[in-house]
Amino acid sequence: MFQGGKSIQDLLKQAQKMQKKMMESQEALAQKTVEASAGGGMVNVVMNGNQELISLKIEKEVVDPDDVEMLEDLIIAAVEEARLKVKEMVESEMSGLTGGLKIPGLST
């Protein structure tokens, strides 16, 4: 017997329940999206909870053949902002399941 009168079977059952909840939560997160933009809204991206880029919109005014680097920078900035928002969303969701414990492999 373990502390508090819990057997190994009880602990395994609790771990299995927690694992099931985490898998359900990860599936739900994959359905959620975040939006981010750069350049005052000239570049907009939507990313899901799996950090998959769902959409990318670029306003015509920001497309300048003589300054492709600026457009590249705006795209990178918008994607990075979306990635950080997804990370925060995942960490928030997972901390609710783990009681705030940092468990390796559960965050992005």
N, C-alpha and C. Protein backbone atom coordinates (compact mmCIF):
# COMPACT_ATOMS: atom_id res chain seq x y z
N MET A 1 0.84 -1.19 0.00
CA MET A 1 0.00 0.00 0.00
C MET A 1 0.88 1.25 0.00
N PHE A 2 0.39 2.24 -0.70
CA PHE A 2 1.09 3.52 -0.76
C PHE A 2 0.48 4.49 0.23
N GLN A 3 1.13 5.59 0.38
CA GLN A 3 0.67 6.66 1.26
C GLN A 3 -0.77 7.03 0.93
N GLY A 4 -1.60 7.15 1.93
CA GLY A 4 -2.99 7.51 1.70
C GLY A 4 -3.85 6.29 1.37
N GLY A 5 -3.26 5.10 1.44
CA GLY A 5 -4.02 3.88 1.21
C GLY A 5 -4.28 3.56 -0.25
N LYS A 6 -3.57 4.18 -1.15
CA LYS A 6 -3.79 3.93 -2.58
C LYS A 6 -2.89 2.79 -3.05
N SER A 7 -3.47 1.92 -3.79
CA SER A 7 -2.70 0.82 -4.36
C SER A 7 -2.12 1.25 -5.70
N ILE A 8 -1.25 0.42 -6.21
CA ILE A 8 -0.68 0.70 -7.53
C ILE A 8 -1.78 0.73 -8.57
N GLN A 9 -2.78 -0.13 -8.45
CA GLN A 9 -3.89 -0.15 -9.40
C GLN A 9 -4.65 1.17 -9.39
N ASP A 10 -4.88 1.73 -8.20
CA ASP A 10 -5.58 3.01 -8.11
C ASP A 10 -4.78 4.11 -8.80
N LEU A 11 -3.47 4.09 -8.58
CA LEU A 11 -2.61 5.10 -9.21
C LEU A 11 -2.60 4.93 -10.73
N LEU A 12 -2.57 3.69 -11.20
CA LEU A 12 -2.61 3.44 -12.64
C LEU A 12 -3.93 3.90 -13.24
N LYS A 13 -5.03 3.67 -12.56
CA LYS A 13 -6.33 4.11 -13.05
C LYS A 13 -6.38 5.62 -13.16
N GLN A 14 -5.85 6.30 -12.15
CA GLN A 14 -5.82 7.76 -12.19
C GLN A 14 -4.96 8.26 -13.35
N ALA A 15 -3.82 7.61 -13.56
CA ALA A 15 -2.93 8.00 -14.66
C ALA A 15 -3.62 7.79 -16.00
N GLN A 16 -4.35 6.69 -16.14
CA GLN A 16 -5.06 6.42 -17.39
C GLN A 16 -6.15 7.45 -17.64
N LYS A 17 -6.87 7.84 -16.58
CA LYS A 17 -7.90 8.87 -16.73
C LYS A 17 -7.29 10.19 -17.15
N MET A 18 -6.16 10.54 -16.54
CA MET A 18 -5.49 11.80 -16.87
C MET A 18 -4.99 11.76 -18.31
N GLN A 19 -4.44 10.61 -18.73
CA GLN A 19 -3.96 10.48 -20.10
C GLN A 19 -5.12 10.62 -21.09
N LYS A 20 -6.26 10.04 -20.78
CA LYS A 20 -7.42 10.14 -21.66
C LYS A 20 -7.88 11.59 -21.76
N LYS A 21 -7.92 12.30 -20.62
CA LYS A 21 -8.32 13.70 -20.63
C LYS A 21 -7.35 14.54 -21.46
N MET A 22 -6.05 14.24 -21.34
CA MET A 22 -5.05 15.00 -22.10
C MET A 22 -5.22 14.76 -23.60
N MET A 23 -5.48 13.51 -23.99
CA MET A 23 -5.68 13.22 -25.41
C MET A 23 -6.91 13.94 -25.94
N GLU A 24 -7.98 13.94 -25.16
CA GLU A 24 -9.21 14.63 -25.56
C GLU A 24 -8.95 16.13 -25.68
N SER A 25 -8.18 16.66 -24.74
CA SER A 25 -7.86 18.08 -24.76
C SER A 25 -7.00 18.43 -25.97
N GLN A 26 -6.04 17.58 -26.29
CA GLN A 26 -5.19 17.83 -27.46
C GLN A 26 -6.01 17.78 -28.75
N GLU A 27 -6.97 16.87 -28.82
CA GLU A 27 -7.84 16.80 -30.00
C GLU A 27 -8.69 18.07 -30.11
N ALA A 28 -9.18 18.55 -28.96
CA ALA A 28 -9.99 19.77 -28.96
C ALA A 28 -9.13 20.98 -29.36
N LEU A 29 -7.89 21.01 -28.88
CA LEU A 29 -6.99 22.11 -29.24
C LEU A 29 -6.72 22.15 -30.74
N ALA A 30 -6.64 20.99 -31.36
CA ALA A 30 -6.39 20.94 -32.80
C ALA A 30 -7.51 21.61 -33.58
N GLN A 31 -8.70 21.66 -32.99
CA GLN A 31 -9.86 22.27 -33.65
C GLN A 31 -9.91 23.79 -33.43
N LYS A 32 -9.20 24.27 -32.41
CA LYS A 32 -9.20 25.70 -32.12
C LYS A 32 -8.20 26.41 -33.02
N THR A 33 -8.44 27.68 -33.27
CA THR A 33 -7.53 28.47 -34.10
C THR A 33 -7.18 29.77 -33.41
N VAL A 34 -6.06 30.32 -33.82
CA VAL A 34 -5.65 31.65 -33.39
C VAL A 34 -5.38 32.47 -34.64
N GLU A 35 -5.53 33.76 -34.52
CA GLU A 35 -5.24 34.68 -35.62
C GLU A 35 -4.15 35.63 -35.17
N ALA A 36 -3.29 35.98 -36.11
CA ALA A 36 -2.23 36.94 -35.83
C ALA A 36 -1.98 37.75 -37.10
N SER A 37 -1.42 38.94 -36.89
CA SER A 37 -1.13 39.79 -38.05
C SER A 37 0.17 40.55 -37.84
N ALA A 38 0.64 41.11 -38.93
CA ALA A 38 1.84 41.95 -38.89
C ALA A 38 1.65 43.08 -39.90
N GLY A 39 2.44 44.12 -39.73
CA GLY A 39 2.36 45.25 -40.65
C GLY A 39 1.04 45.98 -40.58
N GLY A 40 0.50 46.10 -39.37
CA GLY A 40 -0.78 46.80 -39.23
C GLY A 40 -1.93 46.09 -39.93
N GLY A 41 -1.86 44.76 -39.96
CA GLY A 41 -2.94 43.99 -40.58
C GLY A 41 -2.73 43.71 -42.06
N MET A 42 -1.56 44.06 -42.57
CA MET A 42 -1.29 43.82 -43.99
C MET A 42 -1.06 42.34 -44.29
N VAL A 43 -0.56 41.60 -43.28
CA VAL A 43 -0.37 40.16 -43.39
C VAL A 43 -1.10 39.52 -42.23
N ASN A 44 -2.02 38.60 -42.53
CA ASN A 44 -2.81 37.91 -41.51
C ASN A 44 -2.68 36.40 -41.69
N VAL A 45 -2.52 35.72 -40.55
CA VAL A 45 -2.44 34.26 -40.58
C VAL A 45 -3.41 33.67 -39.57
N VAL A 46 -3.85 32.46 -39.87
CA VAL A 46 -4.66 31.67 -38.94
C VAL A 46 -3.94 30.34 -38.78
N MET A 47 -3.78 29.92 -37.51
CA MET A 47 -3.07 28.69 -37.20
C MET A 47 -3.92 27.89 -36.23
N ASN A 48 -3.89 26.56 -36.36
CA ASN A 48 -4.65 25.74 -35.42
C ASN A 48 -3.78 25.33 -34.23
N GLY A 49 -4.38 24.61 -33.29
CA GLY A 49 -3.68 24.21 -32.07
C GLY A 49 -2.55 23.23 -32.29
N ASN A 50 -2.44 22.68 -33.48
CA ASN A 50 -1.31 21.81 -33.83
C ASN A 50 -0.21 22.59 -34.53
N GLN A 51 -0.30 23.89 -34.51
CA GLN A 51 0.65 24.80 -35.17
C GLN A 51 0.68 24.59 -36.68
N GLU A 52 -0.46 24.22 -37.24
CA GLU A 52 -0.57 24.11 -38.68
C GLU A 52 -1.14 25.42 -39.21
N LEU A 53 -0.50 25.96 -40.23
CA LEU A 53 -0.96 27.20 -40.84
C LEU A 53 -2.21 26.90 -41.66
N ILE A 54 -3.32 27.52 -41.28
CA ILE A 54 -4.60 27.27 -41.93
C ILE A 54 -4.83 28.25 -43.08
N SER A 55 -4.49 29.51 -42.85
CA SER A 55 -4.65 30.49 -43.92
C SER A 55 -3.63 31.61 -43.79
N LEU A 56 -3.37 32.22 -44.92
CA LEU A 56 -2.46 33.35 -45.01
C LEU A 56 -3.08 34.34 -45.98
N LYS A 57 -3.26 35.58 -45.51
CA LYS A 57 -3.83 36.63 -46.36
C LYS A 57 -2.83 37.79 -46.39
N ILE A 58 -2.60 38.27 -47.61
CA ILE A 58 -1.66 39.38 -47.81
C ILE A 58 -2.39 40.46 -48.59
N GLU A 59 -2.41 41.66 -48.04
CA GLU A 59 -3.02 42.80 -48.73
C GLU A 59 -2.15 43.20 -49.93
N LYS A 60 -2.79 43.55 -51.01
CA LYS A 60 -2.07 43.89 -52.25
C LYS A 60 -1.08 45.03 -52.05
N GLU A 61 -1.44 45.98 -51.18
CA GLU A 61 -0.60 47.16 -50.97
C GLU A 61 0.79 46.83 -50.44
N VAL A 62 0.94 45.69 -49.76
CA VAL A 62 2.23 45.35 -49.16
C VAL A 62 3.12 44.58 -50.15
N VAL A 63 2.57 44.19 -51.29
CA VAL A 63 3.35 43.46 -52.28
C VAL A 63 4.11 44.46 -53.15
N ASP A 64 5.42 44.51 -52.93
CA ASP A 64 6.28 45.42 -53.67
C ASP A 64 7.43 44.60 -54.25
N PRO A 65 7.46 44.42 -55.56
CA PRO A 65 8.52 43.61 -56.18
C PRO A 65 9.92 44.12 -55.87
N ASP A 66 10.04 45.39 -55.53
CA ASP A 66 11.34 45.95 -55.22
C ASP A 66 11.72 45.79 -53.75
N ASP A 67 10.79 45.26 -52.93
CA ASP A 67 11.07 45.08 -51.50
C ASP A 67 10.46 43.76 -51.00
N VAL A 68 10.87 42.67 -51.60
CA VAL A 68 10.38 41.35 -51.24
C VAL A 68 10.77 41.01 -49.79
N GLU A 69 11.92 41.48 -49.35
CA GLU A 69 12.39 41.19 -48.00
C GLU A 69 11.41 41.69 -46.94
N MET A 70 10.80 42.84 -47.14
CA MET A 70 9.84 43.37 -46.18
C MET A 70 8.64 42.42 -46.08
N LEU A 71 8.14 41.95 -47.20
CA LEU A 71 7.02 41.03 -47.20
C LEU A 71 7.39 39.73 -46.50
N GLU A 72 8.58 39.22 -46.77
CA GLU A 72 9.05 38.01 -46.09
C GLU A 72 9.10 38.21 -44.59
N ASP A 73 9.62 39.36 -44.15
CA ASP A 73 9.70 39.67 -42.72
C ASP A 73 8.31 39.74 -42.08
N LEU A 74 7.36 40.36 -42.79
CA LEU A 74 5.99 40.45 -42.26
C LEU A 74 5.34 39.08 -42.13
N ILE A 75 5.58 38.22 -43.10
CA ILE A 75 5.02 36.87 -43.03
C ILE A 75 5.62 36.12 -41.85
N ILE A 76 6.93 36.19 -41.71
CA ILE A 76 7.60 35.52 -40.58
C ILE A 76 7.07 36.06 -39.26
N ALA A 77 6.92 37.36 -39.15
CA ALA A 77 6.43 37.96 -37.90
C ALA A 77 5.02 37.49 -37.58
N ALA A 78 4.15 37.45 -38.56
CA ALA A 78 2.77 37.03 -38.32
C ALA A 78 2.71 35.55 -37.94
N VAL A 79 3.48 34.71 -38.61
CA VAL A 79 3.49 33.28 -38.30
C VAL A 79 4.06 33.06 -36.90
N GLU A 80 5.11 33.77 -36.56
CA GLU A 80 5.71 33.62 -35.22
C GLU A 80 4.74 34.07 -34.14
N GLU A 81 4.05 35.16 -34.36
CA GLU A 81 3.05 35.62 -33.38
C GLU A 81 1.96 34.56 -33.20
N ALA A 82 1.51 33.98 -34.29
CA ALA A 82 0.48 32.94 -34.21
C ALA A 82 1.01 31.72 -33.46
N ARG A 83 2.25 31.35 -33.73
CA ARG A 83 2.86 30.20 -33.05
C ARG A 83 2.92 30.43 -31.55
N LEU A 84 3.29 31.65 -31.14
CA LEU A 84 3.35 31.97 -29.72
C LEU A 84 1.96 31.94 -29.08
N LYS A 85 0.95 32.42 -29.81
CA LYS A 85 -0.42 32.37 -29.30
C LYS A 85 -0.89 30.93 -29.12
N VAL A 86 -0.52 30.06 -30.06
CA VAL A 86 -0.88 28.65 -29.94
C VAL A 86 -0.20 28.06 -28.71
N LYS A 87 1.07 28.36 -28.54
CA LYS A 87 1.82 27.84 -27.39
C LYS A 87 1.15 28.26 -26.08
N GLU A 88 0.76 29.52 -25.98
CA GLU A 88 0.08 30.02 -24.77
C GLU A 88 -1.26 29.30 -24.58
N MET A 89 -1.99 29.09 -25.67
CA MET A 89 -3.28 28.41 -25.59
C MET A 89 -3.10 26.98 -25.10
N VAL A 90 -2.10 26.28 -25.63
CA VAL A 90 -1.84 24.89 -25.24
C VAL A 90 -1.40 24.83 -23.79
N GLU A 91 -0.49 25.70 -23.39
CA GLU A 91 -0.01 25.70 -22.01
C GLU A 91 -1.15 25.99 -21.04
N SER A 92 -2.02 26.90 -21.40
CA SER A 92 -3.16 27.23 -20.55
C SER A 92 -4.09 26.03 -20.40
N GLU A 93 -4.38 25.37 -21.50
CA GLU A 93 -5.26 24.20 -21.49
C GLU A 93 -4.64 23.06 -20.68
N MET A 94 -3.37 22.80 -20.90
CA MET A 94 -2.70 21.69 -20.23
C MET A 94 -2.49 21.96 -18.75
N SER A 95 -2.27 23.21 -18.37
CA SER A 95 -2.07 23.50 -16.95
C SER A 95 -3.34 23.23 -16.16
N GLY A 96 -4.49 23.38 -16.81
CA GLY A 96 -5.75 23.04 -16.16
C GLY A 96 -5.85 21.55 -15.89
N LEU A 97 -5.30 20.74 -16.77
CA LEU A 97 -5.35 19.29 -16.59
C LEU A 97 -4.30 18.77 -15.62
N THR A 98 -3.13 19.40 -15.61
CA THR A 98 -2.03 18.90 -14.80
C THR A 98 -1.90 19.64 -13.47
N GLY A 99 -2.81 20.56 -13.20
CA GLY A 99 -2.73 21.31 -11.96
C GLY A 99 -1.54 22.23 -11.91
N GLY A 100 -1.06 22.66 -13.07
CA GLY A 100 0.08 23.58 -13.12
C GLY A 100 1.42 22.90 -13.21
N LEU A 101 1.46 21.56 -13.12
CA LEU A 101 2.73 20.86 -13.23
C LEU A 101 3.22 20.91 -14.67
N LYS A 102 4.50 21.13 -14.84
CA LYS A 102 5.11 21.11 -16.17
C LYS A 102 5.50 19.67 -16.47
N ILE A 103 4.82 19.08 -17.46
CA ILE A 103 5.12 17.71 -17.85
C ILE A 103 5.76 17.74 -19.22
N PRO A 104 6.99 17.23 -19.34
CA PRO A 104 7.69 17.25 -20.62
C PRO A 104 6.85 16.59 -21.72
N GLY A 105 6.88 17.20 -22.90
CA GLY A 105 6.19 16.63 -24.04
C GLY A 105 4.74 17.08 -24.21
N LEU A 106 4.22 17.84 -23.24
CA LEU A 106 2.82 18.26 -23.33
C LEU A 106 2.66 19.66 -23.88
N SER A 107 3.73 20.40 -23.94
CA SER A 107 3.61 21.74 -24.51
C SER A 107 4.31 21.77 -25.85
N THR A 108 4.02 22.80 -26.60
CA THR A 108 4.58 22.90 -27.94
C THR A 108 5.84 23.72 -27.95
